[in-house]
């Protein structure tokens, strides 16, 4: 008689408020979780077939299905070859690190639900890595490094499910959970630029520049001040300084100069420059201003951040 067990996991998405790119070289960064994230459910069946049935949903729409034989790591069937290959790579790495998962001839029915649009840049990969690692009881940072790379701050947010300060320097990871719900959050807004960026290209641009210890120190200090400030004017000033310093270092225009040059408030890039979300603050007629420029997806802080 076959036996079944089912488990469920959830990881929140993330937004990196400070030290984008420079977090790769040890700058202190501030990141917050989002209300929306990714769910994973796994049904394990003792049926001696060694099969994985994988289904991935984006906002309740099935986009990837695959059947994988994990005895020989063969994709038996799929509707998206390249995406199925990535899933196979991730699951194969789990097998190498887990003492229990994919070790015998149990079959697995694995279903993921991404709650936000994939082009939001909130961490479709990091939430998946963390969910799978929690299920397999392995190190999520290690799995992410093997499969994707990056600084790991997004994994830390998914694990802690909390605002964090984050620093990764010389193989030492320092994650501190924060109670970051500043009163000024009611003045802040997030605008989606609807231009999904390839973060790897941004990282390549950053890596092509000589490393700047001065910039790392400056943005780390700004992060510390932002965590502590309760004054929206001071917060705005710090965000403008942050954006300007990184713009000068990267040699590319700020998002405000590109899209919102006459905006009466700060506009700061979050994550990969040029797409995904930006952070700004309210002003008279702000919704009409942004929608008039083609950016109608605007969230208030408490709509997006728990």
Protein backbone atom coordinates (compact mmCIF):
# COMPACT_ATOMS: atom_id res chain seq x y z
CA UNK A 1 0.00 0.00 0.00
CA UNK A 2 1.50 3.35 -1.02
CA UNK A 3 1.76 6.12 1.59
CA UNK A 4 1.65 9.89 1.01
CA UNK A 5 2.78 12.99 2.92
CA UNK A 6 2.26 16.65 2.01
CA UNK A 7 4.19 19.73 3.15
CA UNK A 8 3.75 23.44 2.37
CA UNK A 9 6.20 26.35 2.39
CA UNK A 10 6.09 30.11 1.74
CA UNK A 11 8.83 32.67 1.14
CA UNK A 12 8.21 36.41 0.71
CA UNK A 13 9.55 38.46 -2.15
CA UNK A 14 12.03 41.28 -1.48
CA UNK A 15 13.00 44.84 -2.29
CA UNK A 16 16.56 46.10 -1.83
CA UNK A 17 16.33 49.69 -0.61
CA UNK A 18 20.05 50.50 -0.39
CA UNK A 19 23.49 49.40 -1.62
CA UNK A 20 22.38 47.75 -4.86
CA UNK A 21 25.41 46.30 -6.68
CA UNK A 22 27.79 47.43 -3.91
CA UNK A 23 26.30 44.78 -1.59
CA UNK A 24 28.33 42.35 -3.72
CA UNK A 25 31.52 43.84 -2.28
CA UNK A 26 30.55 43.99 1.37
CA UNK A 27 28.49 47.18 1.65
CA UNK A 28 25.82 47.20 4.33
CA UNK A 29 22.39 46.92 2.70
CA UNK A 30 18.80 47.40 3.81
CA UNK A 31 16.14 45.07 2.37
CA UNK A 32 12.48 44.48 3.14
CA UNK A 33 10.11 41.57 2.41
CA UNK A 34 6.96 41.94 0.34
CA UNK A 35 3.49 40.68 1.14
CA UNK A 36 3.51 38.69 -2.08
CA UNK A 37 5.86 35.75 -2.45
CA UNK A 38 5.98 32.15 -3.62
CA UNK A 39 4.36 29.02 -2.24
CA UNK A 40 5.60 25.45 -2.59
CA UNK A 41 3.65 22.28 -1.86
CA UNK A 42 5.17 18.82 -2.07
CA UNK A 43 3.39 15.47 -1.97
CA UNK A 44 5.74 12.52 -1.44
CA UNK A 45 4.45 9.09 -2.46
CA UNK A 46 6.10 5.77 -1.73
CA UNK A 47 5.44 4.13 -5.09
CA UNK A 48 8.91 2.94 -6.19
CA UNK A 49 8.82 5.01 -9.41
CA UNK A 50 11.45 7.71 -8.70
CA UNK A 51 9.52 10.40 -10.59
CA UNK A 52 9.17 14.14 -10.09
CA UNK A 53 6.04 15.88 -11.32
CA UNK A 54 6.73 19.63 -11.38
CA UNK A 55 4.12 22.30 -11.96
CA UNK A 56 4.78 26.03 -11.69
CA UNK A 57 1.98 28.60 -11.64
CA UNK A 58 2.33 32.37 -12.14
CA UNK A 59 -0.63 34.14 -10.55
CA UNK A 60 -2.75 30.97 -10.83
CA UNK A 61 -1.82 30.37 -14.49
CA UNK A 62 0.19 27.23 -15.26
CA UNK A 63 3.36 28.18 -17.15
CA UNK A 64 5.69 25.23 -16.64
CA UNK A 65 5.04 21.53 -16.27
CA UNK A 66 7.64 18.79 -16.34
CA UNK A 67 8.09 15.16 -15.49
CA UNK A 68 11.59 14.13 -14.46
CA UNK A 69 13.05 10.70 -13.71
CA UNK A 70 15.62 11.39 -11.02
CA UNK A 71 17.34 8.01 -11.26
CA UNK A 72 18.94 9.11 -14.53
CA UNK A 73 17.91 12.81 -14.41
CA UNK A 74 15.98 12.61 -17.64
CA UNK A 75 13.23 15.08 -18.53
CA UNK A 76 10.48 12.72 -19.63
CA UNK A 77 8.12 15.46 -20.80
CA UNK A 78 7.78 19.25 -20.51
CA UNK A 79 6.18 22.25 -22.15
CA UNK A 80 9.25 24.50 -21.70
CA UNK A 81 12.60 22.86 -22.27
CA UNK A 82 15.00 25.55 -21.01
CA UNK A 83 13.00 26.21 -17.83
CA UNK A 84 12.72 22.48 -17.17
CA UNK A 85 16.51 22.18 -17.54
CA UNK A 86 16.97 24.83 -14.86
CA UNK A 87 14.57 23.00 -12.52
CA UNK A 88 16.49 19.78 -13.17
CA UNK A 89 19.77 21.51 -12.30
CA UNK A 90 18.34 22.83 -9.02
CA UNK A 91 16.83 19.49 -7.99
CA UNK A 92 20.03 17.65 -8.90
CA UNK A 93 21.97 19.97 -6.59
CA UNK A 94 19.45 19.25 -3.85
CA UNK A 95 20.01 15.52 -4.30
CA UNK A 96 23.77 16.02 -3.83
CA UNK A 97 23.25 17.88 -0.55
CA UNK A 98 20.26 16.15 1.01
CA UNK A 99 20.47 12.92 2.95
CA UNK A 100 16.81 12.13 2.28
CA UNK A 101 15.37 13.81 -0.83
CA UNK A 102 15.72 12.04 -4.21
CA UNK A 103 17.75 9.28 -2.56
CA UNK A 104 15.45 6.26 -3.01
CA UNK A 105 12.51 5.57 -5.29
CA UNK A 106 9.88 7.84 -3.73
CA UNK A 107 7.93 10.01 -6.20
CA UNK A 108 7.37 13.74 -5.68
CA UNK A 109 4.54 15.97 -6.84
CA UNK A 110 5.92 19.51 -6.54
CA UNK A 111 3.75 22.58 -7.18
CA UNK A 112 4.92 26.20 -6.95
CA UNK A 113 2.71 29.29 -6.97
CA UNK A 114 4.32 32.66 -7.71
CA UNK A 115 1.95 35.30 -6.35
CA UNK A 116 3.39 38.35 -8.16
CA UNK A 117 3.98 39.01 -11.87
CA UNK A 118 7.33 37.55 -12.92
CA UNK A 119 8.43 40.94 -14.30
CA UNK A 120 8.11 42.62 -10.88
CA UNK A 121 11.65 41.55 -9.96
CA UNK A 122 10.63 40.65 -6.41
CA UNK A 123 12.55 37.40 -6.32
CA UNK A 124 10.95 34.56 -8.25
CA UNK A 125 14.23 32.63 -8.05
CA UNK A 126 15.24 33.43 -4.47
CA UNK A 127 11.81 32.51 -3.09
CA UNK A 128 12.02 29.21 -4.97
CA UNK A 129 15.53 28.48 -3.68
CA UNK A 130 14.49 29.15 -0.10
CA UNK A 131 11.29 27.10 -0.28
CA UNK A 132 13.13 24.12 -1.75
CA UNK A 133 15.93 24.41 0.82
CA UNK A 134 13.47 24.52 3.72
CA UNK A 135 11.76 21.45 2.33
CA UNK A 136 15.02 19.55 1.80
CA UNK A 137 16.57 20.89 5.02
CA UNK A 138 19.70 22.13 3.29
CA UNK A 139 21.54 25.48 3.23
CA UNK A 140 19.62 27.94 1.03
CA UNK A 141 22.64 30.22 0.57
CA UNK A 142 24.69 27.30 -0.69
CA UNK A 143 21.98 26.12 -3.08
CA UNK A 144 21.53 29.65 -4.42
CA UNK A 145 25.28 30.06 -4.93
CA UNK A 146 25.45 26.78 -6.87
CA UNK A 147 22.46 27.59 -9.08
CA UNK A 148 22.43 31.37 -9.47
CA UNK A 149 25.08 33.31 -7.54
CA UNK A 150 24.69 36.87 -6.25
CA UNK A 151 25.14 38.46 -2.84
CA UNK A 152 22.50 36.33 -1.11
CA UNK A 153 20.57 39.21 0.46
CA UNK A 154 17.39 38.01 -1.27
CA UNK A 155 17.79 34.56 0.28
CA UNK A 156 18.26 36.20 3.69
CA UNK A 157 14.96 38.10 3.32
CA UNK A 158 13.17 34.91 2.24
CA UNK A 159 14.60 33.02 5.22
CA UNK A 160 13.99 35.68 7.87
CA UNK A 161 10.65 36.93 6.48
CA UNK A 162 11.55 40.29 8.00
CA UNK A 163 13.27 43.56 7.13
CA UNK A 164 17.01 43.01 7.44
CA UNK A 165 20.35 44.72 7.35
CA UNK A 166 22.75 42.56 5.38
CA UNK A 167 26.47 42.39 4.84
CA UNK A 168 28.50 39.65 3.15
CA UNK A 169 32.24 40.23 3.27
CA UNK A 170 35.15 37.79 3.01
CA UNK A 171 32.81 34.80 3.25
CA UNK A 172 31.25 36.07 6.48
CA UNK A 173 27.51 36.74 6.30
CA UNK A 174 25.95 39.11 8.81
CA UNK A 175 22.15 39.26 8.80
CA UNK A 176 20.25 41.33 11.36
CA UNK A 177 16.47 41.35 11.48
CA UNK A 178 15.03 44.82 11.95
CA UNK A 179 11.76 46.32 13.10
CA UNK A 180 11.72 48.66 10.13
CA UNK A 181 8.29 50.29 9.99
CA UNK A 182 9.22 53.97 9.99
CA UNK A 183 6.43 56.49 10.53
CA UNK A 184 7.48 58.18 7.30
CA UNK A 185 6.48 55.04 5.35
CA UNK A 186 3.03 56.58 4.85
CA UNK A 187 4.74 59.17 2.65
CA UNK A 188 6.54 56.59 0.49
CA UNK A 189 5.45 54.95 -2.75
CA UNK A 190 6.78 52.25 -5.08
CA UNK A 191 6.41 52.68 -8.85
CA UNK A 192 6.86 49.76 -11.23
CA UNK A 193 8.71 50.66 -14.41
CA UNK A 194 7.50 47.55 -16.27
CA UNK A 195 10.94 47.05 -17.82
CA UNK A 196 12.32 43.85 -16.32
CA UNK A 197 16.07 44.10 -16.01
CA UNK A 198 18.62 41.32 -16.33
CA UNK A 199 20.41 41.75 -13.03
CA UNK A 200 23.41 39.84 -14.40
CA UNK A 201 24.03 42.57 -17.00
CA UNK A 202 23.91 45.20 -14.29
CA UNK A 203 26.35 43.18 -12.20
CA UNK A 204 28.67 42.85 -15.20
CA UNK A 205 28.66 46.64 -15.62
CA UNK A 206 29.37 47.10 -11.92
CA UNK A 207 32.14 44.49 -11.98
CA UNK A 208 33.78 46.22 -14.95
CA UNK A 209 34.54 49.22 -12.73
CA UNK A 210 37.46 49.28 -10.28
CA UNK A 211 36.25 48.41 -6.80
CA UNK A 212 35.74 51.52 -4.64
CA UNK A 213 36.21 51.12 -0.90
CA UNK A 214 35.15 54.75 -0.56
CA UNK A 215 31.79 54.07 -2.24
CA UNK A 216 31.27 50.92 -0.14
CA UNK A 217 31.86 52.95 3.03
CA UNK A 218 29.66 55.84 1.87
CA UNK A 219 26.66 53.67 0.99
CA UNK A 220 27.08 51.64 4.19
CA UNK A 221 26.93 54.88 6.20
CA UNK A 222 23.85 56.02 4.25
CA UNK A 223 22.18 52.68 4.99
CA UNK A 224 22.82 53.12 8.73
CA UNK A 225 21.31 56.60 8.64
CA UNK A 226 18.27 55.49 6.66
CA UNK A 227 17.55 52.73 9.18
CA UNK A 228 17.55 55.26 12.00
CA UNK A 229 15.91 58.35 10.52
CA UNK A 230 12.29 59.21 11.19
CA UNK A 231 12.32 62.45 9.20
CA UNK A 232 11.02 62.20 5.64
CA UNK A 233 13.10 65.16 4.46
CA UNK A 234 16.29 63.58 5.79
CA UNK A 235 15.27 60.22 4.30
CA UNK A 236 14.69 61.89 0.92
CA UNK A 237 18.04 63.64 1.03
CA UNK A 238 19.86 60.40 1.83
CA UNK A 239 18.14 58.60 -1.03
CA UNK A 240 19.14 61.36 -3.46
CA UNK A 241 22.76 61.23 -2.31
CA UNK A 242 22.77 57.43 -2.64
CA UNK A 243 21.39 57.60 -6.19
CA UNK A 244 23.81 60.31 -7.24
CA UNK A 245 26.90 58.54 -5.89
CA UNK A 246 26.04 55.26 -7.56
CA UNK A 247 25.16 57.03 -10.82
CA UNK A 248 28.58 58.69 -10.88
CA UNK A 249 30.32 55.39 -10.15
CA UNK A 250 28.41 53.38 -12.76
CA UNK A 251 28.58 56.14 -15.34
CA UNK A 252 24.87 55.91 -16.15
CA UNK A 253 22.06 58.40 -15.67
CA UNK A 254 19.74 58.16 -12.70
CA UNK A 255 16.21 56.87 -13.20
CA UNK A 256 14.93 60.34 -12.31
CA UNK A 257 16.97 61.96 -15.09
CA UNK A 258 15.79 59.33 -17.58
CA UNK A 259 12.06 59.34 -16.78
CA UNK A 260 11.06 61.88 -14.13
CA UNK A 261 13.39 64.87 -14.48
CA UNK A 262 10.77 67.40 -13.39
CA UNK A 263 9.44 65.34 -10.44
CA UNK A 264 9.42 67.51 -7.29
CA UNK A 265 10.66 64.62 -5.10
CA UNK A 266 13.40 61.99 -5.04
CA UNK A 267 13.11 58.87 -7.22
CA UNK A 268 15.48 56.04 -6.34
CA UNK A 269 16.27 52.85 -8.25
CA UNK A 270 15.79 49.58 -6.39
CA UNK A 271 17.83 46.57 -7.45
CA UNK A 272 18.93 46.42 -11.08
CA UNK A 273 18.98 49.94 -12.48
CA UNK A 274 16.57 50.83 -15.27
CA UNK A 275 13.66 48.53 -14.52
CA UNK A 276 11.57 46.82 -11.87
CA UNK A 277 10.57 49.10 -8.99
CA UNK A 278 11.67 52.56 -7.92
CA UNK A 279 11.04 54.24 -4.58
CA UNK A 280 9.66 57.77 -4.29
CA UNK A 281 7.39 59.84 -2.06
CA UNK A 282 3.94 61.32 -2.37
CA UNK A 283 3.30 64.80 -3.72
CA UNK A 284 0.20 66.56 -4.98
CA UNK A 285 -1.15 64.72 -8.01
CA UNK A 286 1.53 61.99 -7.87
CA UNK A 287 -0.69 59.27 -9.36
CA UNK A 288 -1.60 61.40 -12.38
CA UNK A 289 2.04 62.41 -12.77
CA UNK A 290 3.34 58.84 -12.95
CA UNK A 291 0.46 57.41 -14.99
CA UNK A 292 0.80 60.32 -17.41
CA UNK A 293 4.33 59.08 -18.10
CA UNK A 294 3.15 55.53 -18.65
CA UNK A 295 3.74 54.18 -15.14
CA UNK A 296 0.37 53.42 -13.64
CA UNK A 297 1.40 50.63 -11.22
CA UNK A 298 1.92 52.56 -7.99
CA UNK A 299 1.85 51.00 -4.52
CA UNK A 300 1.76 52.71 -1.18
CA UNK A 301 4.21 51.23 1.35
CA UNK A 302 1.64 49.28 3.35
CA UNK A 303 0.10 47.81 0.20
CA UNK A 304 3.35 46.08 -0.70
CA UNK A 305 5.32 45.69 2.54
CA UNK A 306 3.96 43.71 5.53
